[in-house]
Amino acid sequence: MLVIAVIGIMMALALPHLAGFGKSNSMTAATRQLLDDCALARQRALVNRSDVYMVFVPPNFWAGTNVIVPTRQYTNLANRQYTGYAIVSGSTVGDQPGRHYPHYLTDWKSLPQGIFIAPFQFSNTNGQSPLPMLVGTTNTTTGVSNAFAVQPFNQVSLPFPSTYSGLTYSLPCIGFSPRGQLLTTTNQYIVLASGSVFTPLGSNGMAQLNVPATVIETPAGNETNNPNIIALDALTARATLERNHF
């Protein structure tokens, strides 16, 4: 009985740390996934000599369109608000000068459960230019803090949600040029936060369109206070990870 009691105490002490370990693993997987896909987008821009975009599933992507027939493809994307992205080429090899036909280089992907892209990065709509959000990371060993002025994603009009859908939509994006640079003159960022994204479900068990997802950050405010940040250099389009150091 004494041995069983000791084992029970050890398990009770270990469980909270195991939960944090799982969350840490999800964030590590998400950052590795995005670093790899940013490198892929840059490589395809160089090889194909074409602008290539990493495009993201925005919240309310059905707003202002007459598209949304509630097919499985659209409801699947509704489940990927703040977490989904794809890589799209601005042209196809063999296109005639002045006539470009975009095509998707990847399927729509999702970040690991419990990780999402900071909602403020999707606030650039209707041609607005919101002020940058100040996002910080801190080295808890040295006490040194780094601050990043993060702009919302730029927008690009591309076929959505597939090449042959017949719908063009203005999507949040990061653009890569054929010269191995970003399509912007400033550095770009992907801010990763932890928590949950809840998408309302209909009676059929599928995600409801016309009802935006709800985001709950855990802990609250972590999208601007010590998130993991994928930073892309404007001149080289290379992605690096900026994060807390414990």
C-alpha atoms as a PDB file:
ATOM      1  CA  MET A   1       0.000   0.000   0.000  1.00  0.00           C
ATOM      2  CA  LEU A   2       2.876   2.349   0.770  1.00  0.00           C
ATOM      3  CA  VAL A   3       4.382   1.746  -2.678  1.00  0.00           C
ATOM      4  CA  ILE A   4       1.022   2.423  -4.363  1.00  0.00           C
ATOM      5  CA  ALA A   5       0.633   5.647  -2.389  1.00  0.00           C
ATOM      6  CA  VAL A   6       4.104   6.820  -3.424  1.00  0.00           C
ATOM      7  CA  ILE A   7       3.342   6.031  -7.088  1.00  0.00           C
ATOM      8  CA  GLY A   8       0.066   7.985  -6.815  1.00  0.00           C
ATOM      9  CA  ILE A   9       1.859  11.034  -5.413  1.00  0.00           C
ATOM     10  CA  MET A  10       4.487  10.899  -8.157  1.00  0.00           C
ATOM     11  CA  MET A  11       1.823  10.690 -10.858  1.00  0.00           C
ATOM     12  CA  ALA A  12      -0.084  13.630  -9.374  1.00  0.00           C
ATOM     13  CA  LEU A  13       3.086  15.713  -9.458  1.00  0.00           C
ATOM     14  CA  ALA A  14       3.987  14.637 -12.991  1.00  0.00           C
ATOM     15  CA  LEU A  15       0.636  15.084 -14.759  1.00  0.00           C
ATOM     16  CA  PRO A  16       0.650  18.921 -14.945  1.00  0.00           C
ATOM     17  CA  HIS A  17       4.124  18.815 -16.473  1.00  0.00           C
ATOM     18  CA  LEU A  18       3.040  16.182 -18.995  1.00  0.00           C
ATOM     19  CA  ALA A  19       0.153  18.429 -20.130  1.00  0.00           C
ATOM     20  CA  GLY A  20       2.582  21.308 -20.659  1.00  0.00           C
ATOM     21  CA  PHE A  21       4.937  18.959 -22.500  1.00  0.00           C
ATOM     22  CA  GLY A  22       2.172  18.063 -24.964  1.00  0.00           C
ATOM     23  CA  LYS A  23       1.425  21.736 -25.654  1.00  0.00           C
ATOM     24  CA  SER A  24       5.139  22.395 -26.153  1.00  0.00           C
ATOM     25  CA  ASN A  25       5.309  19.519 -28.636  1.00  0.00           C
ATOM     26  CA  SER A  26       2.379  20.983 -30.614  1.00  0.00           C
ATOM     27  CA  MET A  27       4.062  24.386 -30.838  1.00  0.00           C
ATOM     28  CA  THR A  28       7.350  22.794 -31.875  1.00  0.00           C
ATOM     29  CA  ALA A  29       5.569  20.799 -34.593  1.00  0.00           C
ATOM     30  CA  ALA A  30       3.731  23.917 -35.815  1.00  0.00           C
ATOM     31  CA  THR A  31       6.890  26.011 -36.073  1.00  0.00           C
ATOM     32  CA  ARG A  32       8.772  23.217 -37.847  1.00  0.00           C
ATOM     33  CA  GLN A  33       5.877  22.768 -40.284  1.00  0.00           C
ATOM     34  CA  LEU A  34       5.755  26.468 -41.159  1.00  0.00           C
ATOM     35  CA  LEU A  35       9.523  26.815 -41.449  1.00  0.00           C
ATOM     36  CA  ASP A  36       9.561  23.901 -43.907  1.00  0.00           C
ATOM     37  CA  ASP A  37       6.647  25.255 -45.947  1.00  0.00           C
ATOM     38  CA  CYS A  38       8.077  28.783 -46.102  1.00  0.00           C
ATOM     39  CA  ALA A  39      11.279  27.231 -47.467  1.00  0.00           C
ATOM     40  CA  LEU A  40       9.210  25.239 -49.973  1.00  0.00           C
ATOM     41  CA  ALA A  41       7.355  28.367 -51.164  1.00  0.00           C
ATOM     42  CA  ARG A  42      10.642  30.232 -51.645  1.00  0.00           C
ATOM     43  CA  GLN A  43      12.184  27.310 -53.518  1.00  0.00           C
ATOM     44  CA  ARG A  44       9.214  26.956 -55.859  1.00  0.00           C
ATOM     45  CA  ALA A  45       9.309  30.694 -56.621  1.00  0.00           C
ATOM     46  CA  LEU A  46      12.972  30.374 -57.608  1.00  0.00           C
ATOM     47  CA  VAL A  47      12.552  27.178 -59.625  1.00  0.00           C
ATOM     48  CA  ASN A  48       9.336  28.157 -61.409  1.00  0.00           C
ATOM     49  CA  ARG A  49      10.417  31.799 -61.931  1.00  0.00           C
ATOM     50  CA  SER A  50       7.029  32.860 -60.669  1.00  0.00           C
ATOM     51  CA  ASP A  51       5.532  34.725 -57.747  1.00  0.00           C
ATOM     52  CA  VAL A  52       4.449  32.179 -55.145  1.00  0.00           C
ATOM     53  CA  TYR A  53       2.105  32.863 -52.236  1.00  0.00           C
ATOM     54  CA  MET A  54       1.506  31.246 -48.888  1.00  0.00           C
ATOM     55  CA  VAL A  55      -2.191  32.000 -48.450  1.00  0.00           C
ATOM     56  CA  PHE A  56      -4.178  31.614 -45.239  1.00  0.00           C
ATOM     57  CA  VAL A  57      -7.803  30.740 -44.479  1.00  0.00           C
ATOM     58  CA  PRO A  58      -9.290  33.975 -43.139  1.00  0.00           C
ATOM     59  CA  PRO A  59     -12.221  34.195 -40.737  1.00  0.00           C
ATOM     60  CA  ASN A  60     -15.524  35.005 -42.427  1.00  0.00           C
ATOM     61  CA  PHE A  61     -14.111  34.000 -45.818  1.00  0.00           C
ATOM     62  CA  TRP A  62     -17.666  33.671 -47.118  1.00  0.00           C
ATOM     63  CA  ALA A  63     -18.506  37.343 -46.453  1.00  0.00           C
ATOM     64  CA  GLY A  64     -19.214  39.539 -49.453  1.00  0.00           C
ATOM     65  CA  THR A  65     -19.517  36.633 -51.882  1.00  0.00           C
ATOM     66  CA  ASN A  66     -22.393  34.784 -53.409  1.00  0.00           C
ATOM     67  CA  VAL A  67     -20.368  31.616 -53.493  1.00  0.00           C
ATOM     68  CA  ILE A  68     -20.939  29.723 -50.596  1.00  0.00           C
ATOM     69  CA  VAL A  69     -22.759  26.624 -51.440  1.00  0.00           C
ATOM     70  CA  PRO A  70     -22.346  24.527 -48.308  1.00  0.00           C
ATOM     71  CA  THR A  71     -20.214  21.807 -49.864  1.00  0.00           C
ATOM     72  CA  ARG A  72     -17.796  19.689 -47.863  1.00  0.00           C
ATOM     73  CA  GLN A  73     -14.829  21.617 -49.265  1.00  0.00           C
ATOM     74  CA  TYR A  74     -16.092  24.912 -47.881  1.00  0.00           C
ATOM     75  CA  THR A  75     -17.145  23.457 -44.546  1.00  0.00           C
ATOM     76  CA  ASN A  76     -13.720  21.835 -44.198  1.00  0.00           C
ATOM     77  CA  LEU A  77     -12.164  25.254 -44.732  1.00  0.00           C
ATOM     78  CA  ALA A  78     -14.498  26.726 -42.117  1.00  0.00           C
ATOM     79  CA  ASN A  79     -12.842  24.333 -39.672  1.00  0.00           C
ATOM     80  CA  ARG A  80      -9.478  25.819 -40.649  1.00  0.00           C
ATOM     81  CA  GLN A  81     -10.127  29.470 -39.849  1.00  0.00           C
ATOM     82  CA  TYR A  82      -6.909  30.865 -38.287  1.00  0.00           C
ATOM     83  CA  THR A  83      -5.129  27.513 -38.755  1.00  0.00           C
ATOM     84  CA  GLY A  84      -5.252  26.643 -42.480  1.00  0.00           C
ATOM     85  CA  TYR A  85      -2.974  27.619 -45.345  1.00  0.00           C
ATOM     86  CA  ALA A  86      -1.844  26.536 -48.805  1.00  0.00           C
ATOM     87  CA  ILE A  87       0.919  27.418 -51.265  1.00  0.00           C
ATOM     88  CA  VAL A  88      -0.165  28.860 -54.614  1.00  0.00           C
ATOM     89  CA  SER A  89       1.855  29.787 -57.704  1.00  0.00           C
ATOM     90  CA  GLY A  90       0.870  32.992 -59.470  1.00  0.00           C
ATOM     91  CA  SER A  91       1.409  31.380 -62.879  1.00  0.00           C
ATOM     92  CA  THR A  92       1.833  28.021 -64.594  1.00  0.00           C
ATOM     93  CA  VAL A  93       4.931  26.918 -66.497  1.00  0.00           C
ATOM     94  CA  GLY A  94       4.369  27.665 -70.190  1.00  0.00           C
ATOM     95  CA  ASP A  95       1.979  30.572 -69.655  1.00  0.00           C
ATOM     96  CA  GLN A  96       1.996  33.159 -72.428  1.00  0.00           C
ATOM     97  CA  PRO A  97       3.415  36.620 -71.573  1.00  0.00           C
ATOM     98  CA  GLY A  98       0.748  38.704 -69.891  1.00  0.00           C
ATOM     99  CA  ARG A  99      -1.534  35.686 -69.402  1.00  0.00           C
ATOM    100  CA  HIS A 100      -1.025  33.913 -66.110  1.00  0.00           C
ATOM    101  CA  TYR A 101      -2.947  30.975 -64.693  1.00  0.00           C
ATOM    102  CA  PRO A 102      -2.458  30.478 -60.940  1.00  0.00           C
ATOM    103  CA  HIS A 103      -2.442  26.978 -59.538  1.00  0.00           C
ATOM    104  CA  TYR A 104      -2.192  25.389 -56.115  1.00  0.00           C
ATOM    105  CA  LEU A 105       1.142  23.738 -55.320  1.00  0.00           C
ATOM    106  CA  THR A 106      -0.161  22.086 -52.139  1.00  0.00           C
ATOM    107  CA  ASP A 107      -3.455  21.035 -50.632  1.00  0.00           C
ATOM    108  CA  TRP A 108      -4.896  23.080 -47.783  1.00  0.00           C
ATOM    109  CA  LYS A 109      -2.991  22.252 -44.603  1.00  0.00           C
ATOM    110  CA  SER A 110      -3.730  22.820 -40.919  1.00  0.00           C
ATOM    111  CA  LEU A 111      -1.548  23.598 -37.937  1.00  0.00           C
ATOM    112  CA  PRO A 112      -1.460  21.068 -35.079  1.00  0.00           C
ATOM    113  CA  GLN A 113      -4.387  21.167 -32.674  1.00  0.00           C
ATOM    114  CA  GLY A 114      -4.069  23.839 -30.028  1.00  0.00           C
ATOM    115  CA  ILE A 115      -1.992  26.190 -32.214  1.00  0.00           C
ATOM    116  CA  PHE A 116      -3.356  28.992 -34.384  1.00  0.00           C
ATOM    117  CA  ILE A 117      -2.212  32.158 -36.163  1.00  0.00           C
ATOM    118  CA  ALA A 118      -2.782  35.358 -34.191  1.00  0.00           C
ATOM    119  CA  PRO A 119      -6.194  36.806 -35.173  1.00  0.00           C
ATOM    120  CA  PHE A 120      -4.873  40.372 -35.494  1.00  0.00           C
ATOM    121  CA  GLN A 121      -2.887  39.299 -38.565  1.00  0.00           C
ATOM    122  CA  PHE A 122      -6.182  38.896 -40.452  1.00  0.00           C
ATOM    123  CA  SER A 123      -7.357  42.479 -39.873  1.00  0.00           C
ATOM    124  CA  ASN A 124      -6.147  43.908 -43.210  1.00  0.00           C
ATOM    125  CA  THR A 125      -9.454  44.001 -45.109  1.00  0.00           C
ATOM    126  CA  ASN A 126     -11.131  46.261 -47.648  1.00  0.00           C
ATOM    127  CA  GLY A 127      -7.860  47.956 -48.536  1.00  0.00           C
ATOM    128  CA  GLN A 128      -7.298  49.181 -44.993  1.00  0.00           C
ATOM    129  CA  SER A 129      -3.773  49.479 -43.595  1.00  0.00           C
ATOM    130  CA  PRO A 130      -4.027  48.890 -39.841  1.00  0.00           C
ATOM    131  CA  LEU A 131      -1.202  49.956 -37.572  1.00  0.00           C
ATOM    132  CA  PRO A 132       1.316  47.239 -36.722  1.00  0.00           C
ATOM    133  CA  MET A 133       0.899  45.269 -33.520  1.00  0.00           C
ATOM    134  CA  LEU A 134       3.826  45.278 -31.107  1.00  0.00           C
ATOM    135  CA  VAL A 135       4.675  41.673 -30.255  1.00  0.00           C
ATOM    136  CA  GLY A 136       7.350  40.751 -27.718  1.00  0.00           C
ATOM    137  CA  THR A 137       9.464  37.801 -26.676  1.00  0.00           C
ATOM    138  CA  THR A 138      11.622  37.608 -23.551  1.00  0.00           C
ATOM    139  CA  ASN A 139      14.697  35.582 -22.703  1.00  0.00           C
ATOM    140  CA  THR A 140      13.890  34.532 -19.153  1.00  0.00           C
ATOM    141  CA  THR A 141      17.519  33.656 -18.479  1.00  0.00           C
ATOM    142  CA  THR A 142      19.010  37.031 -19.394  1.00  0.00           C
ATOM    143  CA  GLY A 143      15.902  39.186 -19.096  1.00  0.00           C
ATOM    144  CA  VAL A 144      16.480  40.574 -22.598  1.00  0.00           C
ATOM    145  CA  SER A 145      13.291  41.357 -24.519  1.00  0.00           C
ATOM    146  CA  ASN A 146      12.788  41.652 -28.264  1.00  0.00           C
ATOM    147  CA  ALA A 147       9.927  43.617 -29.802  1.00  0.00           C
ATOM    148  CA  PHE A 148       8.559  43.077 -33.313  1.00  0.00           C
ATOM    149  CA  ALA A 149       6.234  45.452 -35.141  1.00  0.00           C
ATOM    150  CA  VAL A 150       4.014  42.925 -36.897  1.00  0.00           C
ATOM    151  CA  GLN A 151       1.811  44.067 -39.761  1.00  0.00           C
ATOM    152  CA  PRO A 152      -1.367  42.192 -40.697  1.00  0.00           C
ATOM    153  CA  PHE A 153      -1.016  39.935 -43.725  1.00  0.00           C
ATOM    154  CA  ASN A 154      -1.129  41.509 -47.178  1.00  0.00           C
ATOM    155  CA  GLN A 155      -3.915  40.471 -49.567  1.00  0.00           C
ATOM    156  CA  VAL A 156      -3.812  38.798 -52.974  1.00  0.00           C
ATOM    157  CA  SER A 157      -6.685  37.851 -55.308  1.00  0.00           C
ATOM    158  CA  LEU A 158      -6.439  34.194 -56.302  1.00  0.00           C
ATOM    159  CA  PRO A 159      -8.749  31.311 -57.233  1.00  0.00           C
ATOM    160  CA  PHE A 160     -10.390  29.977 -54.086  1.00  0.00           C
ATOM    161  CA  PRO A 161     -10.601  27.392 -52.690  1.00  0.00           C
ATOM    162  CA  SER A 162      -9.082  25.591 -55.691  1.00  0.00           C
ATOM    163  CA  THR A 163      -7.742  26.435 -59.137  1.00  0.00           C
ATOM    164  CA  TYR A 164     -10.959  25.399 -60.883  1.00  0.00           C
ATOM    165  CA  SER A 165     -13.533  26.703 -58.416  1.00  0.00           C
ATOM    166  CA  GLY A 166     -14.526  29.671 -60.587  1.00  0.00           C
ATOM    167  CA  LEU A 167     -14.267  31.961 -57.545  1.00  0.00           C
ATOM    168  CA  THR A 168     -11.581  34.584 -57.019  1.00  0.00           C
ATOM    169  CA  TYR A 169     -11.103  35.748 -53.463  1.00  0.00           C
ATOM    170  CA  SER A 170      -8.800  38.222 -51.705  1.00  0.00           C
ATOM    171  CA  LEU A 171      -6.722  36.043 -49.391  1.00  0.00           C
ATOM    172  CA  PRO A 172      -4.278  36.945 -46.606  1.00  0.00           C
ATOM    173  CA  CYS A 173      -0.824  36.027 -47.829  1.00  0.00           C
ATOM    174  CA  ILE A 174       2.941  36.206 -47.734  1.00  0.00           C
ATOM    175  CA  GLY A 175       4.419  36.530 -51.245  1.00  0.00           C
ATOM    176  CA  PHE A 176       7.740  35.174 -52.552  1.00  0.00           C
ATOM    177  CA  SER A 177       9.374  36.542 -55.698  1.00  0.00           C
ATOM    178  CA  PRO A 178      11.350  34.649 -58.387  1.00  0.00           C
ATOM    179  CA  ARG A 179      14.498  36.397 -57.118  1.00  0.00           C
ATOM    180  CA  GLY A 180      14.305  34.653 -53.765  1.00  0.00           C
ATOM    181  CA  GLN A 181      12.932  37.684 -51.943  1.00  0.00           C
ATOM    182  CA  LEU A 182       9.644  38.677 -50.392  1.00  0.00           C
ATOM    183  CA  LEU A 183       7.203  40.647 -52.523  1.00  0.00           C
ATOM    184  CA  THR A 184       7.228  43.334 -49.821  1.00  0.00           C
ATOM    185  CA  THR A 185      10.058  45.667 -48.848  1.00  0.00           C
ATOM    186  CA  THR A 186       9.641  44.914 -45.143  1.00  0.00           C
ATOM    187  CA  ASN A 187      10.102  41.766 -43.109  1.00  0.00           C
ATOM    188  CA  GLN A 188       7.025  39.597 -42.674  1.00  0.00           C
ATOM    189  CA  TYR A 189       5.928  37.540 -39.682  1.00  0.00           C
ATOM    190  CA  ILE A 190       3.649  34.663 -38.780  1.00  0.00           C
ATOM    191  CA  VAL A 191       2.688  34.921 -35.104  1.00  0.00           C
ATOM    192  CA  LEU A 192       1.699  31.624 -33.499  1.00  0.00           C
ATOM    193  CA  ALA A 193      -0.465  31.515 -30.391  1.00  0.00           C
ATOM    194  CA  SER A 194      -1.787  28.683 -28.249  1.00  0.00           C
ATOM    195  CA  GLY A 195      -5.373  27.970 -27.297  1.00  0.00           C
ATOM    196  CA  SER A 196      -8.489  26.738 -29.075  1.00  0.00           C
ATOM    197  CA  VAL A 197     -10.483  27.652 -32.173  1.00  0.00           C
ATOM    198  CA  PHE A 198     -14.166  26.711 -31.931  1.00  0.00           C
ATOM    199  CA  THR A 199     -16.233  26.430 -35.108  1.00  0.00           C
ATOM    200  CA  PRO A 200     -20.028  26.134 -34.610  1.00  0.00           C
ATOM    201  CA  LEU A 201     -21.446  22.884 -35.968  1.00  0.00           C
ATOM    202  CA  GLY A 202     -24.780  22.387 -37.683  1.00  0.00           C
ATOM    203  CA  SER A 203     -27.271  19.595 -37.041  1.00  0.00           C
ATOM    204  CA  ASN A 204     -25.431  17.503 -39.637  1.00  0.00           C
ATOM    205  CA  GLY A 205     -22.220  17.713 -37.611  1.00  0.00           C
ATOM    206  CA  MET A 206     -20.481  19.855 -40.234  1.00  0.00           C
ATOM    207  CA  ALA A 207     -19.076  23.328 -39.671  1.00  0.00           C
ATOM    208  CA  GLN A 208     -21.642  26.095 -40.084  1.00  0.00           C
ATOM    209  CA  LEU A 209     -20.936  28.700 -42.710  1.00  0.00           C
ATOM    210  CA  ASN A 210     -21.817  32.331 -42.029  1.00  0.00           C
ATOM    211  CA  VAL A 211     -20.897  31.787 -38.359  1.00  0.00           C
ATOM    212  CA  PRO A 212     -17.329  32.846 -37.591  1.00  0.00           C
ATOM    213  CA  ALA A 213     -15.028  30.767 -35.432  1.00  0.00           C
ATOM    214  CA  THR A 214     -14.363  31.780 -31.828  1.00  0.00           C
ATOM    215  CA  VAL A 215     -10.782  31.949 -30.555  1.00  0.00           C
ATOM    216  CA  ILE A 216      -9.831  31.405 -26.920  1.00  0.00           C
ATOM    217  CA  GLU A 217      -6.177  31.983 -26.057  1.00  0.00           C
ATOM    218  CA  THR A 218      -4.531  29.944 -23.316  1.00  0.00           C
ATOM    219  CA  PRO A 219      -3.162  31.821 -21.452  1.00  0.00           C
ATOM    220  CA  ALA A 220      -5.073  34.967 -22.411  1.00  0.00           C
ATOM    221  CA  GLY A 221      -3.073  37.492 -24.421  1.00  0.00           C
ATOM    222  CA  ASN A 222      -0.329  35.102 -25.494  1.00  0.00           C
ATOM    223  CA  GLU A 223      -0.680  36.187 -29.142  1.00  0.00           C
ATOM    224  CA  THR A 224       1.231  39.382 -28.330  1.00  0.00           C
ATOM    225  CA  ASN A 225       3.002  38.376 -25.121  1.00  0.00           C
ATOM    226  CA  ASN A 226       5.707  35.771 -25.764  1.00  0.00           C
ATOM    227  CA  PRO A 227       4.339  33.857 -28.758  1.00  0.00           C
ATOM    228  CA  ASN A 228       6.466  31.906 -31.203  1.00  0.00           C
ATOM    229  CA  ILE A 229       7.148  34.039 -34.289  1.00  0.00           C
ATOM    230  CA  ILE A 230       8.169  32.905 -37.766  1.00  0.00           C
ATOM    231  CA  ALA A 231      10.200  35.841 -39.109  1.00  0.00           C
ATOM    232  CA  LEU A 232      10.836  36.164 -42.867  1.00  0.00           C
ATOM    233  CA  ASP A 233      13.611  38.443 -44.068  1.00  0.00           C
ATOM    234  CA  ALA A 234      12.514  40.776 -46.883  1.00  0.00           C
ATOM    235  CA  LEU A 235      15.780  40.491 -48.856  1.00  0.00           C
ATOM    236  CA  THR A 236      16.291  36.726 -48.675  1.00  0.00           C
ATOM    237  CA  ALA A 237      12.768  35.428 -47.894  1.00  0.00           C
ATOM    238  CA  ARG A 238      14.388  32.996 -45.471  1.00  0.00           C
ATOM    239  CA  ALA A 239      12.370  32.066 -42.401  1.00  0.00           C
ATOM    240  CA  THR A 240      13.720  31.864 -38.857  1.00  0.00           C
ATOM    241  CA  LEU A 241      12.115  31.235 -35.502  1.00  0.00           C
ATOM    242  CA  GLU A 242      11.889  33.882 -32.793  1.00  0.00           C
ATOM    243  CA  ARG A 243      10.612  32.672 -29.443  1.00  0.00           C
ATOM    244  CA  ASN A 244      10.989  32.685 -25.678  1.00  0.00           C
ATOM    245  CA  HIS A 245      14.066  31.087 -24.206  1.00  0.00           C
ATOM    246  CA  PHE A 246      13.505  29.440 -20.859  1.00  0.00           C
END
